[in-house]
Every structure is written in structure tokens, then in C-alpha cells.
Amino acid sequence: MDESTKTCLMFALSEHRKLMDRFLVHINEEMEEQKKRTRIATAAMLRSPHRVTLKTGTKWEVMPNTDDDTFFHPFRVTKRQFDFLLMVLQQQGLKRQKARGQPTVPIRMKVLMFLWYMANQNGFRDISDKFDVSESTAHKSVLEVLAIFSTLGPSFISWPNAGRKKASSAAFHKLCGLQGIIGAIDGCHIKINRPNIRGGDYMNSQSFYSVLLQGIVDERGRFIDIFVGPPGKVDDARLLRASNFYADWQEKMVEYSLLGDSAYTRQADPFIIMPKCDNGDLSEDDQLQNSRISTGRVVIDQAFGRMKCKWRRMRDLQNTRLENVVMIIMAGCFLHNMCIGDNEMCEEHPQGCPRQADDNV
């Protein structure tokens, strides 16, 4: 290589390095400017003396940068809980994908839309407006998260081990004075539209169409077992016998018991302690026993009430396809358990969320 060629090559390399340096400076300036705009937008929201109403549009990225109180109000989770949920969903395969002709939807945005959907009763038009996406994109993103989340039961709901059972038994004894209790069981109606196939089976005794949720909760109101899907016409006793839990109850319960209502029977369900029917001639001991059972069963009523109060989608799943109803109910139970221990007190009901008229009587 002659001297002139070397000189030209060195000059070209020098110019290339200068261009690359200018490019990197430009990229860094753009990133800093974006961060500055985000900080300004966040600060403007936080300066408001009133609770912030998040109307995100193309600036949905601002949401995770708000304080916990502002973030919690529309999504019903803390930022720490959101990060945990995001991590779990990513590990299970939730990805940032772009379909042909469709905009790319970031993973964080998908999870935020899912939480907004579960925490509110508004439709996909509202989500579309909040996140500046089409209704079809919002619908697809929420269903994608639901499909993955509904497979994560063991990560959020598990039967207690021996140590946990012993702790629950002690807690229930302190709560209601009964020995050997590790949980309370009941059925709950989730309102739906009349299905096209065998719709009459979903009409319950309270004259609305529903899908049933059987829940067993511990002393904290945390679900330790759920069974979802039977039509509203089914009573609590039949619901129990159809569940996977019933097939293994002897192995799971061992010497412990659950608290239930009078829908169950002593002969078929010996592991459930239920009140005696009060015909006006109960002894004082029987009345005291009934009172203790009622006190202990408060935990299941409060669990259903708190779940429906916090995750408002669970109050009414009308205009929802039946095949998605079960996934939504399971998601509500998982989210309920995920949030136990953090922000449990409801702003609307500081004394405990009342249960709606949804018990399976």
C-alpha cells in the first residue's frame, strides 16, 4: 500500500470516528431529552392537589414513574407488585410482539392494560382511549396476558404445609375459639350473560345467570384452593363434590377441619364444621357453637367482598365470552392473593368490604 493510499485510509477512518462520536452524542441527547420530558410530565401530575386521573395516550410510559399512591389508584397494585407480576409473566413467555400492519405493544404496556381491565368495569373502548391503541389491540393484549396468567395457579394459590396448617389452626382458635380449623369454604356467584348452550343451567336461585367459584381461604382471607366453572344452578354441596379438592380431601385435611354453612352435610362432608339449624330449641352450647362458626366464617365473606371490591371486573362478566370467564375469575383470585399483606385496607370500606348478594344459597 503506497503512502497516499495510507493517508486517504487514515483520513477516512478519522472522519468515520467523528461521525460515530456525533451520532452517539445525538442519541444520548435524545435520551436525556426524553427523560427530561417524562420527569416534567410526572412532576406536573404530582403537583396537583387532587388525586391524579391518568389519561395516558401516547405518554403511557409516564405511569410507572408516578408515586405509589397515584399508580395504585387505577391499577390496584403497588409498583413493587407490578414489577413482580411483570417478571413472572415474562418468565412464562409474555413477549413484545409486532403483528403485520399492527403497532408494537411493549410488555409493560400489555400488563398495565390487563390490570386496568381487571380493576375497572369499563370496556375496551376506554382502554383504547387511555393507552392510545386500537380496541382490537387492547382486546388482544389483555387476552394474551390472561391466557398466560391463568396457567400460573401454583405460583399464587397452594395448599398449606404442616407448619402453615398449625399456624392457621392457632389463628382460627384465637379468632373464634374453635380448635383444629385451618380454613373456611363457600361458593360465590359471578354474574354472566345467558350462554347460548344450556343457558338455563346458569340461572341461579337468585334469578340471574352466573358461573360458580368455590373458594377455601385461610385466616388471612388468602385463597388456598379454588374451583371455577360450574353453572350457577349447582348448589354448594354438588359444587364441592365436583371439585378436585374433594377427591383428595382426606390427604389434604388429615386431622383438621374447615368452616362451612348449612349447605353442606355432616355425613358426606365430615371435614366441614357447620352450624346446626336453629328451630328455636337449640341449647346454649349449640347457640355458642353456631356463633363461633359464624365468627370464623367471616374470613370467607370478607375475601369474596374484598376481591370484588378491588378487582371490579369480577362483579359482572356480562358481555364476556364464556370461555374467557373462567380465566378472568382465576386471574381475580391470583391477584387477590398477590396483594394480601400490601394495601389491604380499602379506601371505600376501611372496616372491611361488604360481600354482595352473591353467596350460593
Protein backbone atom coordinates (compact mmCIF):
# COMPACT_ATOMS: atom_id res chain seq x y z
CA MET A 1 0.00 0.00 0.00
CA ASP A 2 1.57 3.31 -1.10
CA GLU A 3 1.80 6.35 1.15
CA SER A 4 -1.06 8.26 -0.49
CA THR A 5 -3.44 5.33 -0.06
CA LYS A 6 -2.49 5.01 3.61
CA THR A 7 -3.12 8.71 4.09
CA CYS A 8 -6.58 8.50 2.47
CA LEU A 9 -7.48 5.45 4.56
CA MET A 10 -6.39 7.14 7.79
CA PHE A 11 -8.42 10.21 6.88
CA ALA A 12 -11.49 8.11 6.12
CA LEU A 13 -11.20 6.28 9.44
CA SER A 14 -10.80 9.56 11.28
CA GLU A 15 -13.92 11.00 9.67
CA HIS A 16 -15.84 7.82 10.43
CA ARG A 17 -14.90 8.07 14.10
CA LYS A 18 -16.03 11.70 14.18
CA LEU A 19 -19.37 10.77 12.64
CA MET A 20 -19.85 7.94 15.13
CA ASP A 21 -18.99 10.24 18.03
CA ARG A 22 -21.51 12.83 16.82
CA PHE A 23 -24.12 10.10 16.39
CA LEU A 24 -23.60 8.81 19.92
CA VAL A 25 -23.79 12.35 21.30
CA HIS A 26 -27.05 12.84 19.40
CA ILE A 27 -28.53 9.60 20.76
CA ASN A 28 -27.55 10.49 24.33
CA GLU A 29 -29.06 13.96 23.96
CA GLU A 30 -32.29 12.44 22.65
CA MET A 31 -32.44 10.02 25.58
CA GLU A 32 -31.79 12.79 28.08
CA GLU A 33 -34.45 14.95 26.46
CA GLN A 34 -36.97 12.09 26.67
CA LYS A 35 -36.13 11.55 30.34
CA LYS A 36 -36.49 15.28 30.96
CA ARG A 37 -39.94 15.35 29.29
CA THR A 38 -41.01 12.36 31.36
CA ARG A 39 -39.80 13.99 34.61
CA ILE A 40 -41.59 17.23 33.78
CA ALA A 41 -44.83 15.42 32.97
CA THR A 42 -44.59 13.35 36.15
CA ALA A 43 -43.80 16.38 38.31
CA ALA A 44 -46.73 18.29 36.81
CA MET A 45 -49.10 15.48 37.76
CA LEU A 46 -47.70 15.12 41.26
CA ARG A 47 -48.04 18.88 41.93
CA SER A 48 -51.79 18.60 41.52
CA PRO A 49 -53.57 18.99 44.91
CA HIS A 50 -56.18 16.45 43.81
CA ARG A 51 -55.85 12.78 43.00
CA VAL A 52 -54.37 12.38 39.56
CA THR A 53 -56.55 10.90 36.84
CA LEU A 54 -54.24 9.14 34.43
CA LYS A 55 -55.11 9.87 30.81
CA THR A 56 -52.09 8.40 29.19
CA GLY A 57 -52.46 8.25 25.44
CA THR A 58 -49.04 8.18 23.81
CA LYS A 59 -47.45 9.08 27.18
CA TRP A 60 -48.39 5.83 28.94
CA GLU A 61 -44.70 5.48 29.86
CA VAL A 62 -45.27 8.17 32.50
CA MET A 63 -47.38 5.80 34.58
CA PRO A 64 -44.61 3.68 36.16
CA ASN A 65 -42.79 6.88 37.14
CA THR A 66 -45.62 8.20 39.32
CA ASP A 67 -45.64 7.75 43.09
CA ASP A 68 -47.18 4.60 44.60
CA ASP A 69 -50.47 6.27 45.56
CA THR A 70 -51.07 7.65 42.07
CA PHE A 71 -50.09 4.36 40.46
CA PHE A 72 -52.17 2.27 42.88
CA HIS A 73 -55.49 4.05 42.31
CA PRO A 74 -56.19 2.91 38.71
CA PHE A 75 -54.21 -0.37 38.76
CA ARG A 76 -54.92 -1.60 42.32
CA VAL A 77 -51.33 -2.80 42.82
CA THR A 78 -48.19 -1.16 44.13
CA LYS A 79 -45.28 -0.56 41.79
CA ARG A 80 -43.37 -3.33 43.56
CA GLN A 81 -46.24 -5.76 42.93
CA PHE A 82 -46.40 -4.63 39.31
CA ASP A 83 -42.69 -5.34 38.83
CA PHE A 84 -43.15 -8.80 40.35
CA LEU A 85 -46.10 -9.59 38.09
CA LEU A 86 -44.19 -8.30 35.07
CA MET A 87 -41.24 -10.55 35.91
CA VAL A 88 -43.44 -13.64 36.36
CA LEU A 89 -45.28 -13.08 33.07
CA GLN A 90 -42.03 -12.50 31.16
CA GLN A 91 -40.61 -15.74 32.57
CA GLN A 92 -43.72 -17.54 31.30
CA GLY A 93 -43.34 -16.25 27.76
CA LEU A 94 -45.07 -12.86 27.53
CA LYS A 95 -43.21 -11.02 24.77
CA ARG A 96 -43.11 -7.74 22.93
CA GLN A 97 -44.56 -8.71 19.57
CA LYS A 98 -45.48 -6.92 16.40
CA ALA A 99 -48.04 -8.36 14.02
CA ARG A 100 -48.08 -7.40 10.36
CA GLY A 101 -49.64 -3.99 9.98
CA GLN A 102 -50.05 -3.61 13.77
CA PRO A 103 -48.08 -1.39 16.17
CA THR A 104 -45.58 -2.94 18.57
CA VAL A 105 -47.05 -3.28 22.07
CA PRO A 106 -44.40 -3.25 24.83
CA ILE A 107 -44.70 -5.89 27.54
CA ARG A 108 -45.14 -3.31 30.31
CA MET A 109 -48.00 -1.74 28.36
CA LYS A 110 -49.72 -5.13 27.97
CA VAL A 111 -49.57 -5.77 31.71
CA LEU A 112 -50.81 -2.26 32.52
CA MET A 113 -53.78 -2.74 30.16
CA PHE A 114 -54.54 -6.09 31.78
CA LEU A 115 -54.51 -4.58 35.28
CA TRP A 116 -56.68 -1.67 34.12
CA TYR A 117 -59.14 -4.18 32.66
CA MET A 118 -59.31 -6.23 35.88
CA ALA A 119 -59.61 -3.18 38.14
CA ASN A 120 -62.43 -1.48 36.20
CA GLN A 121 -65.74 -2.37 34.61
CA ASN A 122 -65.28 -0.18 31.54
CA GLY A 123 -64.94 -1.77 28.12
CA PHE A 124 -62.08 -1.96 25.66
CA ARG A 125 -63.02 1.41 24.19
CA ASP A 126 -61.91 3.01 27.47
CA ILE A 127 -58.63 1.07 27.45
CA SER A 128 -58.12 2.04 23.82
CA ASP A 129 -58.50 5.71 24.73
CA LYS A 130 -56.25 5.52 27.80
CA PHE A 131 -53.40 3.76 26.03
CA ASP A 132 -53.82 5.22 22.52
CA VAL A 133 -54.20 1.83 20.82
CA SER A 134 -56.99 0.33 18.76
CA GLU A 135 -59.75 -1.60 20.52
CA SER A 136 -58.63 -4.78 18.78
CA THR A 137 -55.04 -4.31 20.01
CA ALA A 138 -56.27 -3.69 23.57
CA HIS A 139 -58.51 -6.77 23.41
CA LYS A 140 -55.75 -8.99 22.01
CA SER A 141 -53.19 -7.78 24.56
CA VAL A 142 -55.48 -8.34 27.55
CA LEU A 143 -56.44 -11.84 26.37
CA GLU A 144 -52.78 -12.69 25.78
CA VAL A 145 -51.89 -11.77 29.36
CA LEU A 146 -54.96 -13.59 30.68
CA ALA A 147 -54.10 -16.78 28.80
CA ILE A 148 -50.61 -16.87 30.35
CA PHE A 149 -51.63 -15.67 33.82
CA SER A 150 -54.40 -18.26 34.17
CA THR A 151 -51.81 -21.07 33.93
CA LEU A 152 -49.86 -19.83 36.97
CA GLY A 153 -52.11 -21.25 39.70
CA PRO A 154 -49.36 -22.95 41.77
CA SER A 155 -47.41 -19.68 41.88
CA PHE A 156 -50.27 -17.87 43.63
CA ILE A 157 -52.52 -20.50 45.25
CA SER A 158 -51.18 -23.50 47.15
CA TRP A 159 -52.38 -25.87 49.86
CA PRO A 160 -50.67 -25.20 53.21
CA ASN A 161 -47.93 -27.46 54.51
CA ALA A 162 -47.91 -28.92 58.03
CA GLY A 163 -46.31 -25.83 59.58
CA ARG A 164 -48.73 -23.48 57.89
CA LYS A 165 -51.71 -25.61 58.96
CA LYS A 166 -50.58 -25.47 62.58
CA ALA A 167 -50.25 -21.66 62.38
CA SER A 168 -53.70 -21.32 60.76
CA SER A 169 -55.26 -23.56 63.42
CA ALA A 170 -53.85 -21.35 66.17
CA ALA A 171 -55.07 -18.21 64.38
CA PHE A 172 -58.62 -19.54 63.95
CA HIS A 173 -58.70 -20.62 67.61
CA LYS A 174 -57.80 -17.08 68.58
CA LEU A 175 -60.40 -15.70 66.15
CA CYS A 176 -63.41 -17.85 67.03
CA GLY A 177 -62.47 -20.22 69.82
CA LEU A 178 -62.68 -23.41 67.74
CA GLN A 179 -59.91 -26.00 67.64
CA GLY A 180 -58.36 -27.62 64.56
CA ILE A 181 -59.68 -25.18 61.93
CA ILE A 182 -57.43 -24.27 59.01
CA GLY A 183 -59.87 -22.53 56.66
CA ALA A 184 -63.39 -21.60 55.60
CA ILE A 185 -65.21 -22.76 52.46
CA ASP A 186 -68.08 -21.27 50.43
CA GLY A 187 -69.41 -20.80 46.92
CA CYS A 188 -69.75 -17.47 45.12
CA HIS A 189 -71.72 -16.40 42.03
CA ILE A 190 -70.04 -14.42 39.24
CA LYS A 191 -72.63 -12.74 37.02
CA ILE A 192 -72.56 -13.53 33.28
CA ASN A 193 -74.79 -13.36 30.19
CA ARG A 194 -77.07 -16.27 29.41
CA PRO A 195 -74.91 -18.74 27.44
CA ASN A 196 -76.23 -19.94 24.09
CA ILE A 197 -75.74 -23.61 25.03
CA ARG A 198 -77.63 -24.97 28.06
CA GLY A 199 -78.27 -21.42 29.19
CA GLY A 200 -80.94 -22.45 31.68
CA ASP A 201 -78.34 -24.30 33.76
CA TYR A 202 -76.68 -20.99 34.56
CA MET A 203 -79.78 -19.41 36.11
CA ASN A 204 -79.23 -19.46 39.88
CA SER A 205 -81.65 -19.29 42.81
CA GLN A 206 -81.26 -15.51 42.91
CA SER A 207 -82.63 -15.18 39.37
CA PHE A 208 -79.54 -14.15 37.44
CA TYR A 209 -77.12 -16.09 35.24
CA SER A 210 -73.80 -16.95 36.83
CA VAL A 211 -70.68 -19.11 36.94
CA LEU A 212 -69.66 -20.50 40.31
CA LEU A 213 -66.42 -20.01 42.21
CA GLN A 214 -65.70 -22.26 45.19
CA GLY A 215 -63.11 -20.79 47.49
CA ILE A 216 -61.28 -22.06 50.56
CA VAL A 217 -59.41 -19.35 52.46
CA ASP A 218 -57.11 -19.27 55.48
CA GLU A 219 -57.34 -16.92 58.45
CA ARG A 220 -55.89 -14.05 56.39
CA GLY A 221 -58.53 -14.40 53.67
CA ARG A 222 -55.95 -15.85 51.30
CA PHE A 223 -57.22 -18.48 48.86
CA ILE A 224 -55.61 -21.87 49.48
CA ASP A 225 -57.83 -23.67 46.96
CA ILE A 226 -60.29 -22.61 44.24
CA PHE A 227 -62.61 -24.37 41.83
CA VAL A 228 -64.13 -22.38 38.96
CA GLY A 229 -66.61 -23.04 36.19
CA PRO A 230 -69.80 -24.94 37.16
CA PRO A 231 -73.08 -23.23 36.20
CA GLY A 232 -75.00 -21.16 38.75
CA LYS A 233 -77.75 -23.75 39.13
CA VAL A 234 -75.40 -26.07 41.07
CA ASP A 235 -75.65 -25.96 44.89
CA ASP A 236 -72.65 -25.77 47.24
CA ALA A 237 -72.68 -29.47 48.13
CA ARG A 238 -72.62 -30.58 44.47
CA LEU A 239 -70.03 -27.91 43.70
CA LEU A 240 -67.75 -29.36 46.39
CA ARG A 241 -68.15 -32.92 45.13
CA ALA A 242 -67.25 -31.87 41.59
CA SER A 243 -64.01 -30.20 42.70
CA ASN A 244 -60.53 -31.69 42.57
CA PHE A 245 -60.16 -30.87 46.25
CA TYR A 246 -62.95 -33.29 47.22
CA ALA A 247 -61.18 -36.26 45.65
CA ASP A 248 -58.14 -35.69 47.89
CA TRP A 249 -59.74 -34.16 50.98
CA GLN A 250 -58.57 -36.89 53.40
CA GLU A 251 -54.95 -36.46 52.36
CA LYS A 252 -55.17 -32.68 52.48
CA MET A 253 -57.17 -32.24 55.68
CA VAL A 254 -55.66 -35.03 57.82
CA GLU A 255 -56.96 -34.19 61.34
CA TYR A 256 -58.02 -30.62 60.55
CA SER A 257 -61.41 -29.13 59.57
CA LEU A 258 -62.97 -26.30 57.56
CA LEU A 259 -65.82 -23.98 58.50
CA GLY A 260 -68.86 -24.04 56.22
CA ASP A 261 -72.52 -23.10 56.15
CA SER A 262 -75.62 -25.28 56.32
CA ALA A 263 -75.46 -26.06 52.58
CA TYR A 264 -73.06 -28.91 53.39
CA THR A 265 -73.94 -32.18 55.13
CA ARG A 266 -72.23 -33.80 58.09
CA GLN A 267 -72.47 -37.29 56.64
CA ALA A 268 -70.94 -36.54 53.22
CA ASP A 269 -68.59 -33.76 54.36
CA PRO A 270 -67.21 -34.81 57.77
CA PHE A 271 -64.26 -32.42 57.46
CA ILE A 272 -66.59 -29.38 57.44
CA ILE A 273 -67.92 -27.92 60.69
CA MET A 274 -71.29 -26.31 60.02
CA PRO A 275 -73.92 -24.65 62.22
CA LYS A 276 -76.94 -26.52 63.50
CA CYS A 277 -80.32 -25.49 62.14
CA ASP A 278 -81.95 -23.11 64.61
CA ASN A 279 -85.57 -24.10 65.09
CA GLY A 280 -85.84 -22.16 68.29
CA ASP A 281 -84.93 -25.03 70.59
CA LEU A 282 -81.13 -25.03 70.44
CA SER A 283 -79.25 -25.43 73.69
CA GLU A 284 -76.94 -22.69 74.93
CA ASP A 285 -73.94 -24.78 73.89
CA ASP A 286 -75.33 -25.18 70.37
CA GLN A 287 -76.03 -21.46 70.11
CA LEU A 288 -72.50 -20.70 71.27
CA GLN A 289 -71.09 -23.16 68.71
CA ASN A 290 -73.15 -21.57 65.92
CA SER A 291 -71.92 -18.13 66.97
CA ARG A 292 -68.29 -19.27 66.88
CA ILE A 293 -68.74 -20.83 63.43
CA SER A 294 -70.30 -17.61 62.16
CA THR A 295 -67.41 -15.57 63.59
CA GLY A 296 -64.83 -17.81 61.94
CA ARG A 297 -66.62 -17.81 58.57
CA VAL A 298 -66.33 -14.04 58.34
CA VAL A 299 -62.95 -14.56 56.62
CA ILE A 300 -64.51 -16.14 53.51
CA ASP A 301 -67.19 -13.46 53.21
CA GLN A 302 -64.56 -10.73 53.54
CA ALA A 303 -62.30 -12.43 50.99
CA PHE A 304 -65.03 -12.53 48.33
CA GLY A 305 -66.08 -8.97 49.20
CA ARG A 306 -62.53 -7.60 49.07
CA MET A 307 -61.76 -9.37 45.80
CA LYS A 308 -64.83 -7.98 44.04
CA CYS A 309 -64.32 -4.53 45.51
CA LYS A 310 -60.70 -4.32 44.40
CA TRP A 311 -60.94 -6.24 41.11
CA ARG A 312 -64.21 -4.78 39.88
CA ARG A 313 -64.26 -6.80 36.68
CA MET A 314 -65.31 -9.72 38.91
CA ARG A 315 -68.58 -8.02 39.84
CA ASP A 316 -70.16 -8.57 36.46
CA LEU A 317 -68.80 -10.53 33.50
CA GLN A 318 -71.71 -9.90 31.19
CA ASN A 319 -70.71 -9.25 27.57
CA THR A 320 -67.79 -11.66 28.11
CA ARG A 321 -67.37 -14.90 26.18
CA LEU A 322 -67.91 -17.91 28.42
CA GLU A 323 -64.52 -19.41 27.51
CA ASN A 324 -62.84 -16.28 28.91
CA VAL A 325 -64.94 -16.10 32.07
CA VAL A 326 -63.04 -18.87 33.87
CA MET A 327 -59.67 -17.27 33.06
CA ILE A 328 -60.86 -13.91 34.41
CA ILE A 329 -62.17 -15.44 37.65
CA MET A 330 -58.91 -17.32 38.18
CA ALA A 331 -56.94 -14.14 37.48
CA GLY A 332 -59.02 -12.27 40.07
CA CYS A 333 -58.20 -14.92 42.71
CA PHE A 334 -54.49 -14.87 41.82
CA LEU A 335 -54.34 -11.07 42.01
CA HIS A 336 -56.23 -11.15 45.32
CA ASN A 337 -53.60 -13.47 46.83
CA MET A 338 -50.72 -11.49 45.35
CA CYS A 339 -51.92 -8.36 47.13
CA ILE A 340 -52.54 -9.92 50.57
CA GLY A 341 -50.43 -8.03 53.08
CA ASP A 342 -49.98 -4.86 50.99
CA ASN A 343 -52.59 -2.09 50.87
CA GLU A 344 -55.22 -4.41 52.27
CA MET A 345 -57.32 -1.60 53.72
CA CYS A 346 -59.95 -0.45 51.26
CA GLU A 347 -60.38 3.32 50.99
CA GLU A 348 -64.12 2.92 50.46
CA HIS A 349 -64.60 0.34 53.23
CA PRO A 350 -61.95 0.70 55.96
CA GLN A 351 -63.91 -1.69 58.21
CA GLY A 352 -63.95 -4.41 55.54
CA CYS A 353 -65.54 -4.71 52.12
CA PRO A 354 -69.16 -5.92 52.27
CA ARG A 355 -69.98 -9.03 50.32
CA GLN A 356 -72.55 -8.56 47.56
CA ALA A 357 -75.62 -10.80 47.34
CA ASP A 358 -73.58 -13.43 45.54
CA ASP A 359 -73.43 -16.33 48.00
CA ASN A 360 -74.58 -19.67 46.64
CA VAL A 361 -77.72 -20.21 48.72
